[in-house]
N, C-alpha and C. Protein backbone atom coordinates (compact mmCIF):
# COMPACT_ATOMS: atom_id res chain seq x y z
N MET A 1 -43.87 -17.24 33.84
CA MET A 1 -42.40 -17.48 33.70
C MET A 1 -41.86 -16.59 32.57
N LYS A 2 -40.78 -15.85 32.89
CA LYS A 2 -40.20 -14.95 31.87
C LYS A 2 -39.47 -15.78 30.83
N SER A 3 -39.52 -15.27 29.60
CA SER A 3 -38.83 -15.93 28.50
C SER A 3 -37.32 -15.79 28.66
N LEU A 4 -36.59 -16.86 28.33
CA LEU A 4 -35.16 -16.84 28.32
C LEU A 4 -34.54 -16.39 27.06
N LEU A 5 -35.42 -16.10 26.05
CA LEU A 5 -34.89 -15.75 24.74
C LEU A 5 -34.01 -14.51 24.69
N PRO A 6 -34.43 -13.37 25.35
CA PRO A 6 -33.57 -12.23 25.35
C PRO A 6 -32.17 -12.51 25.92
N ALA A 7 -32.15 -13.21 27.07
CA ALA A 7 -30.81 -13.51 27.66
C ALA A 7 -30.03 -14.42 26.73
N LEU A 8 -30.73 -15.41 26.13
CA LEU A 8 -30.07 -16.34 25.23
C LEU A 8 -29.50 -15.62 24.02
N PHE A 9 -30.26 -14.65 23.52
CA PHE A 9 -29.82 -13.86 22.37
C PHE A 9 -28.58 -13.06 22.70
N LEU A 10 -28.57 -12.44 23.91
CA LEU A 10 -27.44 -11.69 24.34
C LEU A 10 -26.21 -12.58 24.51
N PHE A 11 -26.45 -13.79 25.03
CA PHE A 11 -25.33 -14.73 25.24
C PHE A 11 -24.74 -15.12 23.87
N VAL A 12 -25.62 -15.48 22.93
CA VAL A 12 -25.19 -15.88 21.58
C VAL A 12 -24.45 -14.70 20.90
N SER A 13 -24.99 -13.49 21.05
CA SER A 13 -24.35 -12.30 20.46
C SER A 13 -22.95 -12.12 21.01
N PHE A 14 -22.85 -12.28 22.38
CA PHE A 14 -21.55 -12.13 23.01
C PHE A 14 -20.53 -13.14 22.49
N ILE A 15 -21.01 -14.40 22.36
CA ILE A 15 -20.14 -15.45 21.83
C ILE A 15 -19.66 -15.10 20.42
N GLY A 16 -20.60 -14.58 19.62
CA GLY A 16 -20.28 -14.19 18.24
C GLY A 16 -19.22 -13.13 18.21
N ILE A 17 -19.37 -12.13 19.11
CA ILE A 17 -18.35 -11.04 19.17
C ILE A 17 -17.00 -11.62 19.59
N ALA A 18 -17.03 -12.50 20.63
CA ALA A 18 -15.78 -13.07 21.11
C ALA A 18 -15.07 -13.85 20.01
N GLN A 19 -15.81 -14.63 19.25
CA GLN A 19 -15.22 -15.41 18.15
C GLN A 19 -14.67 -14.46 17.12
N SER A 20 -15.38 -13.41 16.85
CA SER A 20 -14.94 -12.41 15.86
C SER A 20 -13.66 -11.79 16.27
N ASN A 21 -13.58 -11.39 17.55
CA ASN A 21 -12.39 -10.77 18.08
C ASN A 21 -11.20 -11.75 18.05
N LYS A 22 -11.50 -13.04 18.31
CA LYS A 22 -10.45 -14.06 18.26
C LYS A 22 -9.90 -14.16 16.85
N GLU A 23 -10.77 -14.12 15.86
CA GLU A 23 -10.36 -14.20 14.45
C GLU A 23 -9.51 -12.95 14.10
N ILE A 24 -9.93 -11.78 14.56
CA ILE A 24 -9.16 -10.56 14.30
C ILE A 24 -7.78 -10.66 14.87
N ILE A 25 -7.66 -11.14 16.13
CA ILE A 25 -6.35 -11.28 16.78
C ILE A 25 -5.47 -12.27 16.01
N LYS A 26 -6.08 -13.35 15.56
CA LYS A 26 -5.33 -14.37 14.82
C LYS A 26 -4.79 -13.79 13.53
N GLU A 27 -5.59 -12.95 12.86
CA GLU A 27 -5.17 -12.32 11.60
C GLU A 27 -4.02 -11.33 11.87
N ILE A 28 -4.12 -10.57 12.97
CA ILE A 28 -3.04 -9.66 13.33
C ILE A 28 -1.74 -10.39 13.61
N GLU A 29 -1.86 -11.49 14.35
CA GLU A 29 -0.67 -12.29 14.69
C GLU A 29 -0.03 -12.85 13.41
N LYS A 30 -0.84 -13.24 12.45
CA LYS A 30 -0.36 -13.78 11.17
C LYS A 30 0.43 -12.70 10.45
N VAL A 31 -0.13 -11.46 10.39
CA VAL A 31 0.54 -10.35 9.71
C VAL A 31 1.90 -10.08 10.36
N GLN A 32 1.89 -10.04 11.68
CA GLN A 32 3.12 -9.74 12.42
C GLN A 32 4.19 -10.86 12.24
N LEU A 33 3.71 -12.08 12.22
CA LEU A 33 4.62 -13.22 12.01
C LEU A 33 5.25 -13.19 10.63
N GLU A 34 4.42 -12.87 9.61
CA GLU A 34 4.95 -12.79 8.26
C GLU A 34 5.95 -11.67 8.08
N LEU A 35 5.68 -10.55 8.80
CA LEU A 35 6.59 -9.40 8.74
C LEU A 35 7.96 -9.81 9.37
N ASN A 36 7.91 -10.45 10.48
CA ASN A 36 9.12 -10.92 11.14
C ASN A 36 9.87 -11.94 10.26
N GLU A 37 9.17 -12.85 9.65
CA GLU A 37 9.85 -13.83 8.77
C GLU A 37 10.54 -13.16 7.60
N GLU A 38 9.90 -12.12 7.10
CA GLU A 38 10.50 -11.39 5.95
C GLU A 38 11.84 -10.75 6.37
N TYR A 39 11.87 -10.23 7.60
CA TYR A 39 13.09 -9.55 8.04
C TYR A 39 14.18 -10.52 8.50
N ILE A 40 13.77 -11.68 9.00
CA ILE A 40 14.75 -12.66 9.46
C ILE A 40 15.38 -13.39 8.28
N ASN A 41 14.62 -13.63 7.21
CA ASN A 41 15.12 -14.36 6.06
C ASN A 41 16.13 -13.54 5.26
N PRO A 42 17.36 -13.97 5.14
CA PRO A 42 18.40 -13.20 4.45
C PRO A 42 18.06 -12.87 2.99
N GLU A 43 17.19 -13.67 2.38
CA GLU A 43 16.83 -13.47 0.99
C GLU A 43 15.79 -12.35 0.82
N THR A 44 15.04 -12.07 1.86
CA THR A 44 14.01 -11.06 1.79
C THR A 44 14.21 -9.85 2.75
N SER A 45 15.18 -10.00 3.64
CA SER A 45 15.40 -8.93 4.65
C SER A 45 15.97 -7.65 4.00
N ILE A 46 15.45 -6.51 4.51
CA ILE A 46 15.96 -5.23 4.05
C ILE A 46 16.99 -4.65 5.08
N LEU A 47 17.28 -5.42 6.11
CA LEU A 47 18.24 -5.00 7.13
C LEU A 47 19.66 -4.93 6.52
N ASP A 48 20.47 -4.04 7.05
CA ASP A 48 21.87 -4.01 6.70
C ASP A 48 22.53 -5.30 7.14
N SER A 49 23.62 -5.70 6.46
CA SER A 49 24.19 -7.02 6.71
C SER A 49 24.61 -7.27 8.13
N LEU A 50 25.14 -6.21 8.76
CA LEU A 50 25.56 -6.37 10.18
C LEU A 50 24.37 -6.59 11.10
N ASP A 51 23.27 -5.90 10.84
CA ASP A 51 22.07 -6.12 11.65
C ASP A 51 21.45 -7.50 11.45
N GLN A 52 21.54 -8.02 10.22
CA GLN A 52 20.99 -9.32 9.96
C GLN A 52 21.63 -10.41 10.82
N LYS A 53 22.92 -10.24 11.14
CA LYS A 53 23.64 -11.26 11.94
C LYS A 53 23.09 -11.35 13.38
N THR A 54 22.61 -10.24 13.92
CA THR A 54 22.15 -10.23 15.31
C THR A 54 20.64 -10.09 15.48
N PHE A 55 19.92 -9.94 14.37
CA PHE A 55 18.49 -9.70 14.44
C PHE A 55 17.74 -10.91 14.96
N LYS A 56 16.93 -10.66 16.01
CA LYS A 56 16.13 -11.77 16.60
C LYS A 56 14.62 -11.60 16.36
N GLY A 57 14.23 -10.44 15.80
CA GLY A 57 12.82 -10.25 15.57
C GLY A 57 12.41 -8.81 15.89
N LEU A 58 11.34 -8.40 15.26
CA LEU A 58 10.81 -7.08 15.50
C LEU A 58 10.08 -7.04 16.85
N GLU A 59 10.02 -5.84 17.44
CA GLU A 59 9.28 -5.69 18.70
C GLU A 59 7.94 -4.99 18.39
N PHE A 60 6.86 -5.59 18.88
CA PHE A 60 5.51 -5.03 18.66
C PHE A 60 4.90 -4.60 19.95
N TYR A 61 4.04 -3.57 19.87
CA TYR A 61 3.19 -3.25 20.99
C TYR A 61 2.22 -4.42 21.18
N PRO A 62 1.73 -4.64 22.42
CA PRO A 62 0.74 -5.69 22.64
C PRO A 62 -0.52 -5.43 21.75
N ILE A 63 -1.04 -6.50 21.20
CA ILE A 63 -2.28 -6.34 20.36
C ILE A 63 -3.40 -5.80 21.23
N ASP A 64 -4.02 -4.78 20.75
CA ASP A 64 -5.12 -4.11 21.43
C ASP A 64 -6.20 -3.79 20.45
N LEU A 65 -7.37 -4.43 20.63
CA LEU A 65 -8.46 -4.25 19.65
C LEU A 65 -9.10 -2.89 19.67
N LYS A 66 -8.72 -2.05 20.66
CA LYS A 66 -9.14 -0.66 20.65
C LYS A 66 -8.59 0.01 19.41
N PHE A 67 -7.46 -0.47 18.94
CA PHE A 67 -6.82 0.12 17.77
C PHE A 67 -7.18 -0.56 16.45
N HIS A 68 -8.15 -1.52 16.56
CA HIS A 68 -8.76 -2.09 15.31
C HIS A 68 -10.05 -1.28 15.14
N VAL A 69 -9.93 -0.24 14.30
CA VAL A 69 -10.94 0.77 14.20
C VAL A 69 -11.85 0.61 13.00
N GLU A 70 -13.15 0.62 13.22
CA GLU A 70 -14.10 0.68 12.12
C GLU A 70 -14.43 2.16 11.92
N ALA A 71 -13.95 2.72 10.86
CA ALA A 71 -14.08 4.14 10.59
C ALA A 71 -15.12 4.39 9.51
N THR A 72 -15.67 5.61 9.56
CA THR A 72 -16.57 6.05 8.49
C THR A 72 -15.73 6.45 7.29
N PHE A 73 -16.06 5.88 6.15
CA PHE A 73 -15.31 6.16 4.92
C PHE A 73 -16.03 7.23 4.10
N ILE A 74 -15.27 8.25 3.71
CA ILE A 74 -15.82 9.31 2.86
C ILE A 74 -14.93 9.43 1.60
N ARG A 75 -15.53 9.15 0.47
CA ARG A 75 -14.80 9.23 -0.81
C ARG A 75 -14.62 10.70 -1.19
N THR A 76 -13.40 11.04 -1.65
CA THR A 76 -13.11 12.40 -2.16
C THR A 76 -12.65 12.35 -3.60
N PRO A 77 -13.62 12.28 -4.54
CA PRO A 77 -13.31 11.96 -5.92
C PRO A 77 -12.70 13.09 -6.75
N ASP A 78 -12.72 14.31 -6.22
CA ASP A 78 -12.25 15.45 -7.06
C ASP A 78 -10.85 15.93 -6.68
N GLU A 79 -10.08 15.09 -6.01
CA GLU A 79 -8.73 15.49 -5.62
C GLU A 79 -7.77 15.44 -6.80
N LYS A 80 -6.78 16.33 -6.73
CA LYS A 80 -5.75 16.37 -7.82
C LYS A 80 -4.53 15.61 -7.34
N PRO A 81 -3.87 14.87 -8.25
CA PRO A 81 -2.66 14.16 -7.87
C PRO A 81 -1.57 15.14 -7.36
N PHE A 82 -0.76 14.61 -6.49
CA PHE A 82 0.35 15.46 -5.96
C PHE A 82 1.59 14.55 -5.79
N LEU A 83 2.72 15.22 -5.60
CA LEU A 83 3.97 14.51 -5.35
C LEU A 83 4.21 14.43 -3.87
N MET A 84 4.25 13.21 -3.33
CA MET A 84 4.44 13.05 -1.89
C MET A 84 5.94 13.12 -1.56
N LYS A 85 6.27 13.93 -0.56
CA LYS A 85 7.65 14.08 -0.12
C LYS A 85 8.19 12.76 0.47
N THR A 86 9.43 12.52 0.27
CA THR A 86 10.10 11.30 0.78
C THR A 86 11.36 11.74 1.51
N SER A 87 12.05 10.70 2.04
CA SER A 87 13.28 10.96 2.76
C SER A 87 14.44 11.25 1.78
N THR A 88 14.23 11.09 0.50
CA THR A 88 15.22 11.46 -0.52
C THR A 88 14.55 12.42 -1.51
N GLU A 89 15.20 12.61 -2.66
CA GLU A 89 14.62 13.51 -3.67
C GLU A 89 13.54 12.87 -4.49
N ARG A 90 13.29 11.58 -4.30
CA ARG A 90 12.26 10.87 -5.03
C ARG A 90 10.90 11.42 -4.66
N LEU A 91 10.05 11.63 -5.63
CA LEU A 91 8.70 12.19 -5.42
C LEU A 91 7.64 11.33 -6.12
N PRO A 92 7.19 10.28 -5.42
CA PRO A 92 6.13 9.43 -6.03
C PRO A 92 4.82 10.20 -6.12
N GLU A 93 4.01 9.89 -7.14
CA GLU A 93 2.76 10.60 -7.29
C GLU A 93 1.59 9.81 -6.69
N TYR A 94 0.82 10.50 -5.86
CA TYR A 94 -0.36 9.92 -5.21
C TYR A 94 -1.55 10.86 -5.44
N VAL A 95 -2.71 10.29 -5.12
CA VAL A 95 -3.89 11.13 -5.09
C VAL A 95 -4.63 10.75 -3.81
N LYS A 96 -5.24 11.75 -3.18
CA LYS A 96 -6.06 11.46 -1.99
C LYS A 96 -7.35 10.79 -2.47
N TYR A 97 -7.59 9.57 -2.01
CA TYR A 97 -8.75 8.77 -2.46
C TYR A 97 -9.96 8.97 -1.55
N GLY A 98 -9.71 9.18 -0.26
CA GLY A 98 -10.81 9.38 0.65
C GLY A 98 -10.35 9.68 2.04
N GLU A 99 -11.30 9.69 2.99
CA GLU A 99 -10.99 9.97 4.37
C GLU A 99 -11.62 8.88 5.27
N ALA A 100 -10.91 8.60 6.40
CA ALA A 100 -11.42 7.72 7.40
C ALA A 100 -11.68 8.54 8.64
N HIS A 101 -12.91 8.58 9.13
CA HIS A 101 -13.30 9.36 10.34
C HIS A 101 -13.61 8.36 11.44
N PHE A 102 -13.02 8.59 12.63
CA PHE A 102 -13.25 7.65 13.73
C PHE A 102 -12.97 8.36 15.06
N THR A 103 -13.35 7.66 16.12
CA THR A 103 -13.11 8.21 17.47
C THR A 103 -12.19 7.28 18.24
N LEU A 104 -11.22 7.91 18.90
CA LEU A 104 -10.25 7.15 19.70
C LEU A 104 -9.93 7.96 20.94
N ASP A 105 -9.99 7.33 22.06
CA ASP A 105 -9.71 8.03 23.39
C ASP A 105 -10.55 9.28 23.51
N GLY A 106 -11.79 9.21 23.02
CA GLY A 106 -12.70 10.34 23.13
C GLY A 106 -12.45 11.49 22.17
N LYS A 107 -11.56 11.30 21.23
CA LYS A 107 -11.23 12.36 20.28
C LYS A 107 -11.73 11.96 18.88
N ASN A 108 -12.31 12.91 18.19
CA ASN A 108 -12.69 12.68 16.78
C ASN A 108 -11.50 12.89 15.90
N LEU A 109 -11.17 11.86 15.14
CA LEU A 109 -9.92 11.84 14.33
C LEU A 109 -10.23 11.57 12.87
N LYS A 110 -9.26 11.94 12.04
CA LYS A 110 -9.36 11.73 10.60
C LYS A 110 -8.06 11.32 10.01
N LEU A 111 -8.09 10.35 9.10
CA LEU A 111 -6.91 10.00 8.34
C LEU A 111 -7.21 10.13 6.89
N ASP A 112 -6.30 10.72 6.10
CA ASP A 112 -6.44 10.74 4.65
C ASP A 112 -5.89 9.44 4.10
N LEU A 113 -6.57 8.90 3.10
CA LEU A 113 -6.22 7.64 2.45
C LEU A 113 -5.73 7.96 1.04
N PHE A 114 -4.58 7.39 0.72
CA PHE A 114 -3.98 7.73 -0.60
C PHE A 114 -3.88 6.54 -1.52
N GLN A 115 -3.91 6.86 -2.83
CA GLN A 115 -3.76 5.81 -3.86
C GLN A 115 -2.66 6.24 -4.80
N SER A 116 -1.78 5.34 -5.17
CA SER A 116 -0.75 5.65 -6.15
C SER A 116 -1.41 5.85 -7.52
N THR A 117 -0.96 6.87 -8.24
CA THR A 117 -1.50 7.08 -9.58
C THR A 117 -1.03 6.02 -10.56
N ASN A 118 -0.13 5.17 -10.12
CA ASN A 118 0.41 4.07 -10.93
C ASN A 118 -0.14 2.73 -10.54
N HIS A 119 -1.26 2.75 -9.73
CA HIS A 119 -1.74 1.50 -9.16
C HIS A 119 -2.22 0.48 -10.17
N GLU A 120 -2.71 0.96 -11.30
CA GLU A 120 -3.25 0.07 -12.31
C GLU A 120 -2.14 -0.77 -12.97
N ASN A 121 -0.91 -0.31 -12.89
CA ASN A 121 0.21 -1.01 -13.47
C ASN A 121 0.94 -1.90 -12.48
N GLU A 122 0.45 -1.93 -11.25
CA GLU A 122 1.08 -2.70 -10.21
C GLU A 122 0.18 -3.88 -9.84
N GLU A 123 0.53 -5.06 -10.27
CA GLU A 123 -0.33 -6.24 -10.02
C GLU A 123 -0.52 -6.50 -8.54
N GLY A 124 -1.79 -6.68 -8.18
CA GLY A 124 -2.14 -6.92 -6.76
C GLY A 124 -2.38 -5.63 -5.99
N TYR A 125 -2.17 -4.49 -6.60
CA TYR A 125 -2.33 -3.22 -5.88
C TYR A 125 -3.49 -2.43 -6.46
N GLU A 126 -4.33 -3.02 -7.28
CA GLU A 126 -5.41 -2.29 -7.96
C GLU A 126 -6.35 -1.61 -6.98
N ASP A 127 -6.62 -2.23 -5.85
CA ASP A 127 -7.55 -1.62 -4.89
C ASP A 127 -6.86 -1.25 -3.57
N TYR A 128 -5.55 -1.05 -3.67
CA TYR A 128 -4.75 -0.82 -2.49
C TYR A 128 -4.74 0.67 -2.10
N LEU A 129 -4.91 0.95 -0.81
CA LEU A 129 -4.82 2.31 -0.29
C LEU A 129 -3.68 2.40 0.72
N PHE A 130 -2.97 3.47 0.66
CA PHE A 130 -1.79 3.76 1.47
C PHE A 130 -2.11 4.73 2.58
N VAL A 131 -1.81 4.32 3.84
CA VAL A 131 -2.16 5.22 4.98
C VAL A 131 -0.90 5.47 5.82
N PRO A 132 -0.13 6.53 5.45
CA PRO A 132 1.04 6.91 6.30
C PRO A 132 0.55 7.85 7.41
N TYR A 133 1.12 7.70 8.63
CA TYR A 133 0.65 8.57 9.69
C TYR A 133 1.74 8.72 10.77
N THR A 134 1.62 9.76 11.56
CA THR A 134 2.38 9.94 12.77
C THR A 134 1.42 10.13 13.92
N ASP A 135 1.89 9.89 15.12
CA ASP A 135 1.07 10.08 16.32
C ASP A 135 1.95 10.46 17.48
N LEU A 136 1.44 10.48 18.68
CA LEU A 136 2.22 10.94 19.83
C LEU A 136 3.26 9.95 20.29
N THR A 137 3.30 8.73 19.74
CA THR A 137 4.36 7.79 20.03
C THR A 137 5.55 7.94 19.05
N SER A 138 5.32 8.74 17.99
CA SER A 138 6.38 8.87 16.98
C SER A 138 7.58 9.60 17.64
N GLY A 139 8.72 8.89 17.72
CA GLY A 139 9.87 9.40 18.41
C GLY A 139 9.87 9.10 19.90
N ASP A 140 8.80 8.49 20.37
CA ASP A 140 8.68 8.10 21.78
C ASP A 140 8.09 6.72 21.91
N GLY A 141 8.83 5.75 21.40
CA GLY A 141 8.37 4.35 21.42
C GLY A 141 8.19 3.83 20.03
N SER A 142 7.78 4.69 19.09
CA SER A 142 7.64 4.33 17.69
C SER A 142 8.66 5.11 16.87
N TYR A 143 8.89 4.65 15.63
CA TYR A 143 9.84 5.31 14.72
C TYR A 143 9.40 6.78 14.56
N GLY A 144 10.35 7.69 14.63
CA GLY A 144 10.08 9.12 14.55
C GLY A 144 9.50 9.55 13.23
N GLY A 145 9.77 8.83 12.18
CA GLY A 145 9.25 9.18 10.87
C GLY A 145 7.88 8.64 10.56
N GLY A 146 7.23 8.10 11.58
CA GLY A 146 5.86 7.62 11.39
C GLY A 146 5.79 6.16 10.99
N LYS A 147 4.57 5.70 10.71
CA LYS A 147 4.33 4.33 10.32
C LYS A 147 3.35 4.29 9.14
N TYR A 148 3.20 3.10 8.56
CA TYR A 148 2.31 2.89 7.44
C TYR A 148 1.28 1.79 7.74
N ILE A 149 0.13 1.95 7.12
CA ILE A 149 -0.91 0.91 7.17
C ILE A 149 -1.35 0.68 5.75
N ASP A 150 -1.52 -0.61 5.37
CA ASP A 150 -2.08 -0.97 4.10
C ASP A 150 -3.55 -1.32 4.26
N THR A 151 -4.39 -0.84 3.40
CA THR A 151 -5.80 -1.25 3.44
C THR A 151 -6.36 -1.27 2.02
N GLN A 152 -7.61 -1.63 1.87
CA GLN A 152 -8.20 -1.78 0.54
C GLN A 152 -9.43 -0.85 0.43
N ILE A 153 -9.76 -0.54 -0.81
CA ILE A 153 -10.90 0.30 -1.07
C ILE A 153 -12.17 -0.43 -0.55
N PRO A 154 -12.91 0.18 0.34
CA PRO A 154 -14.07 -0.49 0.89
C PRO A 154 -15.21 -0.50 -0.11
N GLU A 155 -16.15 -1.41 0.10
CA GLU A 155 -17.32 -1.53 -0.77
C GLU A 155 -18.46 -0.61 -0.26
N GLY A 156 -18.45 -0.31 1.03
CA GLY A 156 -19.51 0.52 1.57
C GLY A 156 -19.02 1.79 2.23
N GLY A 157 -19.74 2.22 3.27
CA GLY A 157 -19.44 3.47 3.92
C GLY A 157 -18.56 3.32 5.14
N THR A 158 -18.00 2.16 5.38
CA THR A 158 -17.08 2.01 6.48
C THR A 158 -15.77 1.33 6.04
N ILE A 159 -14.67 1.58 6.75
CA ILE A 159 -13.41 0.98 6.42
C ILE A 159 -12.70 0.63 7.70
N ILE A 160 -11.97 -0.48 7.70
CA ILE A 160 -11.24 -0.91 8.86
C ILE A 160 -9.83 -0.34 8.79
N ILE A 161 -9.43 0.35 9.85
CA ILE A 161 -8.03 0.83 10.00
C ILE A 161 -7.51 0.10 11.20
N ASP A 162 -6.59 -0.84 10.96
CA ASP A 162 -6.05 -1.63 12.06
C ASP A 162 -4.63 -1.19 12.34
N PHE A 163 -4.48 -0.42 13.38
CA PHE A 163 -3.14 0.09 13.77
C PHE A 163 -2.27 -1.02 14.28
N ASN A 164 -2.85 -2.15 14.72
CA ASN A 164 -2.09 -3.29 15.13
C ASN A 164 -1.19 -3.86 13.99
N LYS A 165 -1.60 -3.56 12.77
CA LYS A 165 -0.87 -4.04 11.57
C LYS A 165 0.11 -2.97 11.01
N ALA A 166 0.21 -1.86 11.72
CA ALA A 166 1.07 -0.79 11.25
C ALA A 166 2.55 -1.23 11.25
N TYR A 167 3.25 -0.85 10.19
CA TYR A 167 4.66 -1.23 10.09
C TYR A 167 5.54 -0.01 9.81
N ASN A 168 6.84 -0.17 10.08
CA ASN A 168 7.76 0.96 9.88
C ASN A 168 8.13 1.11 8.41
N PRO A 169 8.44 2.35 7.98
CA PRO A 169 9.09 2.52 6.65
C PRO A 169 10.45 1.82 6.69
N TYR A 170 10.92 1.43 5.51
CA TYR A 170 12.24 0.81 5.43
C TYR A 170 13.32 1.69 6.03
N CYS A 171 13.12 2.97 5.98
CA CYS A 171 14.09 3.95 6.45
C CYS A 171 14.36 3.78 7.96
N ALA A 172 13.45 3.15 8.68
CA ALA A 172 13.65 2.91 10.09
C ALA A 172 14.77 1.91 10.32
N TYR A 173 15.11 1.17 9.29
CA TYR A 173 16.11 0.10 9.42
C TYR A 173 17.38 0.38 8.62
N SER A 174 17.32 1.20 7.60
CA SER A 174 18.49 1.47 6.78
C SER A 174 18.32 2.81 6.04
N HIS A 175 19.39 3.54 5.93
CA HIS A 175 19.35 4.79 5.15
C HIS A 175 19.44 4.61 3.66
N ARG A 176 19.50 3.32 3.27
CA ARG A 176 19.61 3.02 1.83
C ARG A 176 18.30 3.26 1.07
N TYR A 177 17.22 3.44 1.80
CA TYR A 177 15.89 3.48 1.16
C TYR A 177 15.30 4.86 1.13
N SER A 178 14.35 5.00 0.23
CA SER A 178 13.57 6.26 0.06
C SER A 178 12.15 6.00 0.52
N CYS A 179 11.73 6.75 1.54
CA CYS A 179 10.42 6.47 2.18
C CYS A 179 9.51 7.67 2.19
N PRO A 180 8.23 7.48 1.82
CA PRO A 180 7.32 8.56 1.92
C PRO A 180 7.18 9.13 3.31
N ILE A 181 7.08 10.43 3.38
CA ILE A 181 6.93 11.10 4.72
C ILE A 181 5.45 11.34 4.94
N PRO A 182 4.86 10.90 6.02
CA PRO A 182 3.43 11.14 6.25
C PRO A 182 3.05 12.62 6.18
N PRO A 183 2.09 12.98 5.38
CA PRO A 183 1.63 14.37 5.32
C PRO A 183 1.17 14.85 6.70
N LYS A 184 1.29 16.12 6.92
CA LYS A 184 0.95 16.71 8.28
C LYS A 184 -0.57 16.48 8.56
N GLU A 185 -1.42 16.32 7.54
CA GLU A 185 -2.85 16.02 7.78
C GLU A 185 -3.02 14.71 8.51
N ASN A 186 -2.03 13.84 8.43
CA ASN A 186 -2.17 12.52 9.05
C ASN A 186 -1.36 12.43 10.35
N ASP A 187 -1.17 13.56 10.99
CA ASP A 187 -0.52 13.59 12.32
C ASP A 187 -1.68 13.49 13.35
N ILE A 188 -1.79 12.34 13.98
CA ILE A 188 -2.87 12.06 14.95
C ILE A 188 -2.41 12.45 16.36
N LEU A 189 -3.15 13.29 17.04
CA LEU A 189 -2.76 13.82 18.36
C LEU A 189 -3.24 12.92 19.49
N VAL A 190 -3.00 11.61 19.38
CA VAL A 190 -3.20 10.64 20.46
C VAL A 190 -2.06 9.64 20.37
N ARG A 191 -1.86 8.88 21.46
CA ARG A 191 -0.84 7.83 21.44
C ARG A 191 -1.42 6.55 20.85
N ILE A 192 -0.89 6.16 19.73
CA ILE A 192 -1.30 4.90 19.08
C ILE A 192 -0.28 3.86 19.44
N GLU A 193 -0.42 3.21 20.60
CA GLU A 193 0.51 2.19 21.00
C GLU A 193 0.13 0.86 20.38
N ALA A 194 0.41 0.77 19.09
CA ALA A 194 0.01 -0.46 18.31
C ALA A 194 1.00 -0.58 17.15
N GLY A 195 1.09 -1.84 16.72
CA GLY A 195 1.96 -2.14 15.57
C GLY A 195 3.46 -2.24 15.99
N VAL A 196 4.33 -2.04 15.04
CA VAL A 196 5.78 -2.23 15.25
C VAL A 196 6.34 -1.08 16.12
N LYS A 197 7.19 -1.41 17.03
CA LYS A 197 7.87 -0.37 17.82
C LYS A 197 9.11 0.13 17.08
N ASP A 198 9.74 1.13 17.63
CA ASP A 198 10.98 1.66 17.02
C ASP A 198 12.02 0.61 16.99
N TYR A 199 12.91 0.65 15.94
CA TYR A 199 13.91 -0.37 15.77
C TYR A 199 15.25 0.27 16.27
N LYS A 200 15.96 -0.51 17.09
CA LYS A 200 17.26 -0.12 17.55
C LYS A 200 18.34 -0.93 16.89
N SER A 201 19.15 -0.28 16.08
CA SER A 201 20.22 -0.98 15.39
C SER A 201 21.31 -1.41 16.38
N ASN A 202 21.98 -2.50 16.07
CA ASN A 202 23.07 -3.01 16.96
C ASN A 202 24.43 -2.52 16.50
N HIS A 203 24.50 -1.65 15.51
CA HIS A 203 25.78 -1.16 15.11
C HIS A 203 25.70 0.33 14.74
């Protein structure tokens, strides 16, 4: 009689993956819910006053775990700080901290990860990395100026880049803000149908 252990192991492994995916989806839903609550609440919303009166919630692409990417992390310790261009004359200083290498839709892709040179003075942002990017949905379903992802400095050689958590710059909602423009190195030549969709103002 053949042992059932291999099949049992595969079954248990599958259940483990399913539970893990369920937890990931729950976390994404939590992030999206909190973002919506921030924009709906008049005390925290960055929307213009006329938009606040009619705002019903942000529109998101359907959650797709294909866009929850485990990337190879490469540290780039010898980079020099630079001034990142924004939608205004403001020029915040960042430094390239590392690179995330991954495959999506059969293409080998790379994102540069940035750290503010002022991060030590910003409580809660000590290990924060900033990932601005554009892709083939920018201007075609997503905000033309690109989107942002927040992540943290990884402990090992991999880093999670979850495009389902991508959010729009404030400039997508109001011209009152100054927003970093994603560097051309972070223009990804695939459609990333994940995260917040483009916002259509009602006035």
